[in-house]
Amino acid sequence: MERFLGGSPLSVLVRLIFISLLVGAAMAFLGLSPQGLFDSAVRFVRSITGLGFGAVREVGQWIVAGALVVVPLWLLMRLFASRR
């Protein structure tokens, strides 16, 4: 269990509570709320889908075009790295 959590359960719990307190204080200082963040995320997803699937198709084409360059370079780097 400790290996999965990254430490003893009690110390992980204390760290998570402390980090949550810091993040919550920062959010309160900035005037953010969990509900507001969730609503913003929902509006963002709706705006993306409102663009239509043509925009999604275009992003997919960008990914494929980039992969045509990146994947062969990555394979070459892996091949030359394995020879050392």
N, C-alpha and C. Protein backbone atom coordinates (compact mmCIF):
# COMPACT_ATOMS: atom_id res chain seq x y z
N MET A 1 0.83 -1.19 0.00
CA MET A 1 0.00 0.00 0.00
C MET A 1 0.88 1.26 0.00
N GLU A 2 1.96 1.22 0.77
CA GLU A 2 2.84 2.38 0.86
C GLU A 2 3.49 2.68 -0.49
N ARG A 3 3.83 1.63 -1.21
CA ARG A 3 4.45 1.82 -2.52
C ARG A 3 3.48 2.51 -3.48
N PHE A 4 2.22 2.10 -3.44
CA PHE A 4 1.20 2.69 -4.29
C PHE A 4 0.95 4.15 -3.93
N LEU A 5 0.87 4.45 -2.64
CA LEU A 5 0.56 5.80 -2.17
C LEU A 5 1.77 6.74 -2.21
N GLY A 6 2.97 6.19 -2.17
CA GLY A 6 4.17 7.02 -2.14
C GLY A 6 4.60 7.35 -0.73
N GLY A 7 4.19 6.58 0.22
CA GLY A 7 4.54 6.79 1.62
C GLY A 7 3.49 6.14 2.49
N SER A 8 3.63 6.36 3.80
CA SER A 8 2.64 5.78 4.70
C SER A 8 1.30 6.49 4.50
N PRO A 9 0.20 5.77 4.68
CA PRO A 9 -1.12 6.37 4.45
C PRO A 9 -1.35 7.64 5.27
N LEU A 10 -0.89 7.66 6.52
CA LEU A 10 -1.10 8.83 7.37
C LEU A 10 -0.31 10.04 6.85
N SER A 11 0.95 9.84 6.46
CA SER A 11 1.74 10.97 5.97
C SER A 11 1.20 11.48 4.63
N VAL A 12 0.72 10.57 3.78
CA VAL A 12 0.13 10.99 2.51
C VAL A 12 -1.14 11.79 2.78
N LEU A 13 -1.95 11.35 3.74
CA LEU A 13 -3.18 12.06 4.08
C LEU A 13 -2.87 13.46 4.60
N VAL A 14 -1.86 13.58 5.47
CA VAL A 14 -1.48 14.88 6.01
C VAL A 14 -0.99 15.80 4.88
N ARG A 15 -0.17 15.28 3.98
CA ARG A 15 0.32 16.09 2.85
C ARG A 15 -0.84 16.53 1.96
N LEU A 16 -1.78 15.63 1.67
CA LEU A 16 -2.91 15.99 0.82
C LEU A 16 -3.79 17.04 1.47
N ILE A 17 -3.99 16.94 2.78
CA ILE A 17 -4.78 17.95 3.49
C ILE A 17 -4.07 19.30 3.43
N PHE A 18 -2.76 19.33 3.64
CA PHE A 18 -2.00 20.57 3.61
C PHE A 18 -2.04 21.21 2.23
N ILE A 19 -1.82 20.40 1.19
CA ILE A 19 -1.85 20.93 -0.18
C ILE A 19 -3.26 21.40 -0.53
N SER A 20 -4.28 20.67 -0.08
CA SER A 20 -5.66 21.08 -0.33
C SER A 20 -5.96 22.41 0.34
N LEU A 21 -5.43 22.61 1.55
CA LEU A 21 -5.61 23.88 2.25
C LEU A 21 -4.97 25.02 1.47
N LEU A 22 -3.74 24.81 0.97
CA LEU A 22 -3.06 25.86 0.21
C LEU A 22 -3.81 26.18 -1.09
N VAL A 23 -4.24 25.14 -1.80
CA VAL A 23 -4.96 25.36 -3.06
C VAL A 23 -6.30 26.03 -2.79
N GLY A 24 -6.99 25.59 -1.76
CA GLY A 24 -8.27 26.21 -1.41
C GLY A 24 -8.12 27.68 -1.03
N ALA A 25 -7.06 28.01 -0.29
CA ALA A 25 -6.81 29.40 0.09
C ALA A 25 -6.49 30.24 -1.15
N ALA A 26 -5.69 29.69 -2.06
CA ALA A 26 -5.36 30.41 -3.30
C ALA A 26 -6.60 30.63 -4.15
N MET A 27 -7.46 29.61 -4.22
CA MET A 27 -8.70 29.76 -4.99
C MET A 27 -9.60 30.81 -4.37
N ALA A 28 -9.70 30.82 -3.04
CA ALA A 28 -10.53 31.82 -2.37
C ALA A 28 -9.95 33.23 -2.61
N PHE A 29 -8.64 33.36 -2.58
CA PHE A 29 -7.99 34.64 -2.82
C PHE A 29 -8.28 35.15 -4.23
N LEU A 30 -8.31 34.23 -5.19
CA LEU A 30 -8.56 34.59 -6.59
C LEU A 30 -10.05 34.67 -6.92
N GLY A 31 -10.90 34.34 -5.96
CA GLY A 31 -12.33 34.40 -6.18
C GLY A 31 -12.88 33.24 -6.99
N LEU A 32 -12.19 32.12 -6.95
CA LEU A 32 -12.63 30.94 -7.68
C LEU A 32 -13.34 29.98 -6.75
N SER A 33 -14.28 29.24 -7.32
CA SER A 33 -14.97 28.21 -6.54
C SER A 33 -14.99 26.93 -7.35
N PRO A 34 -15.12 25.78 -6.69
CA PRO A 34 -15.19 24.52 -7.44
C PRO A 34 -16.36 24.50 -8.43
N GLN A 35 -17.50 25.05 -8.02
CA GLN A 35 -18.65 25.08 -8.92
C GLN A 35 -18.37 25.96 -10.13
N GLY A 36 -17.71 27.10 -9.91
CA GLY A 36 -17.36 27.98 -11.02
C GLY A 36 -16.39 27.33 -11.99
N LEU A 37 -15.40 26.60 -11.45
CA LEU A 37 -14.45 25.89 -12.31
C LEU A 37 -15.15 24.82 -13.12
N PHE A 38 -16.07 24.10 -12.49
CA PHE A 38 -16.80 23.05 -13.19
C PHE A 38 -17.66 23.67 -14.30
N ASP A 39 -18.35 24.77 -13.98
CA ASP A 39 -19.18 25.44 -14.98
C ASP A 39 -18.34 25.94 -16.15
N SER A 40 -17.16 26.47 -15.87
CA SER A 40 -16.26 26.93 -16.93
C SER A 40 -15.82 25.78 -17.82
N ALA A 41 -15.51 24.64 -17.21
CA ALA A 41 -15.10 23.48 -17.98
C ALA A 41 -16.24 22.99 -18.87
N VAL A 42 -17.46 23.00 -18.36
CA VAL A 42 -18.62 22.57 -19.15
C VAL A 42 -18.82 23.53 -20.32
N ARG A 43 -18.71 24.84 -20.06
CA ARG A 43 -18.86 25.82 -21.14
C ARG A 43 -17.78 25.64 -22.20
N PHE A 44 -16.55 25.33 -21.76
CA PHE A 44 -15.45 25.12 -22.70
C PHE A 44 -15.73 23.93 -23.61
N VAL A 45 -16.17 22.82 -23.02
CA VAL A 45 -16.47 21.63 -23.82
C VAL A 45 -17.62 21.91 -24.79
N ARG A 46 -18.62 22.63 -24.33
CA ARG A 46 -19.75 22.97 -25.21
C ARG A 46 -19.31 23.88 -26.35
N SER A 47 -18.39 24.80 -26.06
CA SER A 47 -17.93 25.69 -27.14
C SER A 47 -17.11 24.91 -28.16
N ILE A 48 -16.33 23.94 -27.69
CA ILE A 48 -15.56 23.11 -28.62
C ILE A 48 -16.50 22.30 -29.50
N THR A 49 -17.52 21.70 -28.90
CA THR A 49 -18.46 20.92 -29.70
C THR A 49 -19.30 21.82 -30.58
N GLY A 50 -19.49 23.08 -30.16
CA GLY A 50 -20.23 24.04 -30.98
C GLY A 50 -19.48 24.41 -32.24
N LEU A 51 -18.18 24.26 -32.22
CA LEU A 51 -17.39 24.55 -33.42
C LEU A 51 -17.67 23.54 -34.52
N GLY A 52 -18.20 22.42 -34.12
CA GLY A 52 -18.50 21.38 -35.09
C GLY A 52 -17.37 20.38 -35.18
N PHE A 53 -17.66 19.30 -35.82
CA PHE A 53 -16.68 18.23 -35.93
C PHE A 53 -15.63 18.53 -36.98
N GLY A 54 -15.84 19.57 -37.78
CA GLY A 54 -14.82 19.97 -38.74
C GLY A 54 -13.56 20.42 -38.03
N ALA A 55 -13.74 21.13 -36.90
CA ALA A 55 -12.58 21.57 -36.12
C ALA A 55 -11.86 20.38 -35.51
N VAL A 56 -12.63 19.40 -35.05
CA VAL A 56 -12.03 18.20 -34.47
C VAL A 56 -11.25 17.44 -35.55
N ARG A 57 -11.81 17.36 -36.74
CA ARG A 57 -11.14 16.70 -37.85
C ARG A 57 -9.84 17.42 -38.21
N GLU A 58 -9.87 18.75 -38.17
CA GLU A 58 -8.67 19.52 -38.49
C GLU A 58 -7.58 19.28 -37.45
N VAL A 59 -7.93 19.23 -36.18
CA VAL A 59 -6.95 18.94 -35.14
C VAL A 59 -6.39 17.53 -35.33
N GLY A 60 -7.25 16.59 -35.70
CA GLY A 60 -6.78 15.23 -35.97
C GLY A 60 -5.78 15.20 -37.11
N GLN A 61 -6.01 16.02 -38.13
CA GLN A 61 -5.07 16.09 -39.24
C GLN A 61 -3.73 16.68 -38.78
N TRP A 62 -3.77 17.66 -37.88
CA TRP A 62 -2.53 18.22 -37.33
C TRP A 62 -1.74 17.16 -36.59
N ILE A 63 -2.47 16.33 -35.83
CA ILE A 63 -1.81 15.28 -35.06
C ILE A 63 -1.14 14.27 -36.00
N VAL A 64 -1.85 13.87 -37.05
CA VAL A 64 -1.28 12.91 -38.00
C VAL A 64 -0.08 13.52 -38.71
N ALA A 65 -0.17 14.78 -39.12
CA ALA A 65 0.96 15.43 -39.79
C ALA A 65 2.17 15.51 -38.88
N GLY A 66 1.95 15.86 -37.62
CA GLY A 66 3.05 15.91 -36.66
C GLY A 66 3.64 14.55 -36.41
N ALA A 67 2.78 13.53 -36.34
CA ALA A 67 3.25 12.17 -36.08
C ALA A 67 4.10 11.65 -37.22
N LEU A 68 3.82 12.11 -38.44
CA LEU A 68 4.63 11.68 -39.58
C LEU A 68 6.08 12.15 -39.46
N VAL A 69 6.30 13.21 -38.71
CA VAL A 69 7.65 13.71 -38.48
C VAL A 69 8.22 13.15 -37.17
N VAL A 70 7.40 13.20 -36.12
CA VAL A 70 7.88 12.87 -34.78
C VAL A 70 8.19 11.39 -34.62
N VAL A 71 7.32 10.52 -35.08
CA VAL A 71 7.49 9.08 -34.84
C VAL A 71 8.76 8.54 -35.50
N PRO A 72 9.04 8.85 -36.77
CA PRO A 72 10.30 8.35 -37.33
C PRO A 72 11.53 8.90 -36.61
N LEU A 73 11.50 10.18 -36.23
CA LEU A 73 12.63 10.74 -35.48
C LEU A 73 12.80 10.03 -34.14
N TRP A 74 11.69 9.76 -33.48
CA TRP A 74 11.75 9.06 -32.19
C TRP A 74 12.33 7.66 -32.38
N LEU A 75 11.89 6.97 -33.43
CA LEU A 75 12.41 5.62 -33.69
C LEU A 75 13.91 5.66 -33.97
N LEU A 76 14.36 6.63 -34.76
CA LEU A 76 15.79 6.76 -35.03
C LEU A 76 16.57 7.04 -33.75
N MET A 77 16.06 7.92 -32.90
CA MET A 77 16.73 8.21 -31.64
C MET A 77 16.82 6.97 -30.76
N ARG A 78 15.76 6.19 -30.73
CA ARG A 78 15.75 4.95 -29.92
C ARG A 78 16.76 3.95 -30.48
N LEU A 79 16.82 3.83 -31.82
CA LEU A 79 17.77 2.90 -32.43
C LEU A 79 19.21 3.29 -32.14
N PHE A 80 19.53 4.57 -32.30
CA PHE A 80 20.90 5.01 -32.05
C PHE A 80 21.25 4.96 -30.56
N ALA A 81 20.28 5.18 -29.70
CA ALA A 81 20.51 5.11 -28.26
C ALA A 81 20.77 3.67 -27.81
N SER A 82 20.13 2.71 -28.48
CA SER A 82 20.32 1.31 -28.08
C SER A 82 21.66 0.75 -28.52
N ARG A 83 22.35 1.40 -29.44
CA ARG A 83 23.65 0.93 -29.92
C ARG A 83 24.79 1.33 -29.00
N ARG A 84 24.54 2.20 -28.06
CA ARG A 84 25.61 2.65 -27.16
C ARG A 84 25.88 1.67 -26.06
